[in-house]
Amino acid sequence: MVTIHAPALPTDAVWLNVLRPLTAADLRGKVVVLDFWTYA
């Protein structure tokens, strides 16, 4: 079985609805849904 590791999350990103920037370790073992959008 091949293990795939997620890349580190950016520390300078703007985070919404959290008290502090999240790390990959904070999310380990959890289901995560990422919603991306851009302003064009």
N, C-alpha and C. Protein backbone atom coordinates (compact mmCIF):
# COMPACT_ATOMS: atom_id res chain seq x y z
N MET A 1 0.84 -1.17 0.00
CA MET A 1 0.00 0.00 0.00
C MET A 1 0.89 1.24 0.00
N VAL A 2 0.52 2.22 -0.80
CA VAL A 2 1.28 3.46 -0.92
C VAL A 2 0.65 4.51 -0.02
N THR A 3 1.48 5.19 0.75
CA THR A 3 1.00 6.26 1.61
C THR A 3 1.27 7.60 0.94
N ILE A 4 0.25 8.42 0.85
CA ILE A 4 0.38 9.75 0.25
C ILE A 4 0.19 10.78 1.35
N HIS A 5 1.14 11.69 1.46
CA HIS A 5 1.07 12.73 2.49
C HIS A 5 0.62 14.04 1.87
N ALA A 6 -0.22 14.74 2.57
CA ALA A 6 -0.68 16.05 2.11
C ALA A 6 0.45 17.06 2.29
N PRO A 7 0.53 18.03 1.39
CA PRO A 7 1.54 19.08 1.55
C PRO A 7 1.19 19.97 2.75
N ALA A 8 2.18 20.67 3.23
CA ALA A 8 1.96 21.59 4.36
C ALA A 8 1.00 22.70 3.93
N LEU A 9 0.16 23.11 4.84
CA LEU A 9 -0.77 24.21 4.56
C LEU A 9 -0.03 25.53 4.70
N PRO A 10 -0.35 26.53 3.88
CA PRO A 10 0.35 27.80 3.97
C PRO A 10 0.03 28.51 5.29
N THR A 11 1.04 29.08 5.90
CA THR A 11 0.85 29.76 7.19
C THR A 11 0.46 31.21 7.01
N ASP A 12 0.62 31.75 5.79
CA ASP A 12 0.30 33.16 5.56
C ASP A 12 -1.07 33.34 4.90
N ALA A 13 -1.84 32.27 4.77
CA ALA A 13 -3.16 32.35 4.15
C ALA A 13 -4.16 32.99 5.11
N VAL A 14 -5.21 33.55 4.53
CA VAL A 14 -6.29 34.12 5.34
C VAL A 14 -7.26 33.00 5.66
N TRP A 15 -7.44 32.72 6.96
CA TRP A 15 -8.31 31.64 7.41
C TRP A 15 -9.59 32.24 7.95
N LEU A 16 -10.72 31.62 7.62
CA LEU A 16 -12.02 32.07 8.11
C LEU A 16 -12.57 31.07 9.11
N ASN A 17 -13.24 31.57 10.15
CA ASN A 17 -13.95 30.75 11.13
C ASN A 17 -13.04 29.83 11.95
N VAL A 18 -11.79 30.21 12.15
CA VAL A 18 -10.89 29.46 13.03
C VAL A 18 -10.15 30.46 13.92
N LEU A 19 -9.72 30.00 15.07
CA LEU A 19 -9.02 30.89 16.00
C LEU A 19 -7.56 31.12 15.60
N ARG A 20 -6.98 30.15 14.91
CA ARG A 20 -5.58 30.26 14.49
C ARG A 20 -5.41 29.47 13.19
N PRO A 21 -4.34 29.74 12.44
CA PRO A 21 -4.12 28.97 11.21
C PRO A 21 -4.03 27.48 11.51
N LEU A 22 -4.60 26.66 10.65
CA LEU A 22 -4.59 25.22 10.84
C LEU A 22 -3.32 24.61 10.25
N THR A 23 -2.94 23.47 10.78
CA THR A 23 -1.82 22.72 10.25
C THR A 23 -2.33 21.36 9.79
N ALA A 24 -1.52 20.66 9.04
CA ALA A 24 -1.90 19.32 8.59
C ALA A 24 -2.09 18.40 9.80
N ALA A 25 -1.30 18.61 10.85
CA ALA A 25 -1.43 17.79 12.06
C ALA A 25 -2.79 18.01 12.74
N ASP A 26 -3.31 19.23 12.68
CA ASP A 26 -4.64 19.52 13.26
C ASP A 26 -5.74 18.74 12.55
N LEU A 27 -5.54 18.45 11.26
CA LEU A 27 -6.58 17.82 10.45
C LEU A 27 -6.37 16.33 10.28
N ARG A 28 -5.29 15.80 10.79
CA ARG A 28 -4.99 14.37 10.61
C ARG A 28 -6.12 13.52 11.18
N GLY A 29 -6.60 12.57 10.37
CA GLY A 29 -7.64 11.65 10.80
C GLY A 29 -9.05 12.20 10.64
N LYS A 30 -9.19 13.41 10.08
CA LYS A 30 -10.51 14.02 9.91
C LYS A 30 -10.84 14.10 8.43
N VAL A 31 -12.12 14.11 8.13
CA VAL A 31 -12.57 14.34 6.76
C VAL A 31 -12.53 15.84 6.53
N VAL A 32 -11.89 16.25 5.44
CA VAL A 32 -11.71 17.67 5.15
C VAL A 32 -12.29 17.99 3.79
N VAL A 33 -13.11 19.03 3.71
CA VAL A 33 -13.65 19.51 2.44
C VAL A 33 -13.04 20.88 2.19
N LEU A 34 -12.38 21.02 1.06
CA LEU A 34 -11.77 22.30 0.69
C LEU A 34 -12.63 22.97 -0.36
N ASP A 35 -12.91 24.24 -0.15
CA ASP A 35 -13.71 25.01 -1.09
C ASP A 35 -12.83 26.16 -1.59
N PHE A 36 -12.49 26.12 -2.86
CA PHE A 36 -11.63 27.16 -3.44
C PHE A 36 -12.46 28.06 -4.34
N TRP A 37 -12.23 29.34 -4.27
CA TRP A 37 -12.78 30.23 -5.26
C TRP A 37 -11.79 31.38 -5.41
N THR A 38 -11.90 32.06 -6.52
CA THR A 38 -11.02 33.18 -6.78
C THR A 38 -11.85 34.40 -7.13
N TYR A 39 -11.25 35.53 -6.98
CA TYR A 39 -11.85 36.78 -7.41
C TYR A 39 -11.17 37.17 -8.70
N ALA A 40 -11.94 37.28 -9.75
CA ALA A 40 -11.32 37.63 -11.04
C ALA A 40 -11.83 38.96 -11.53
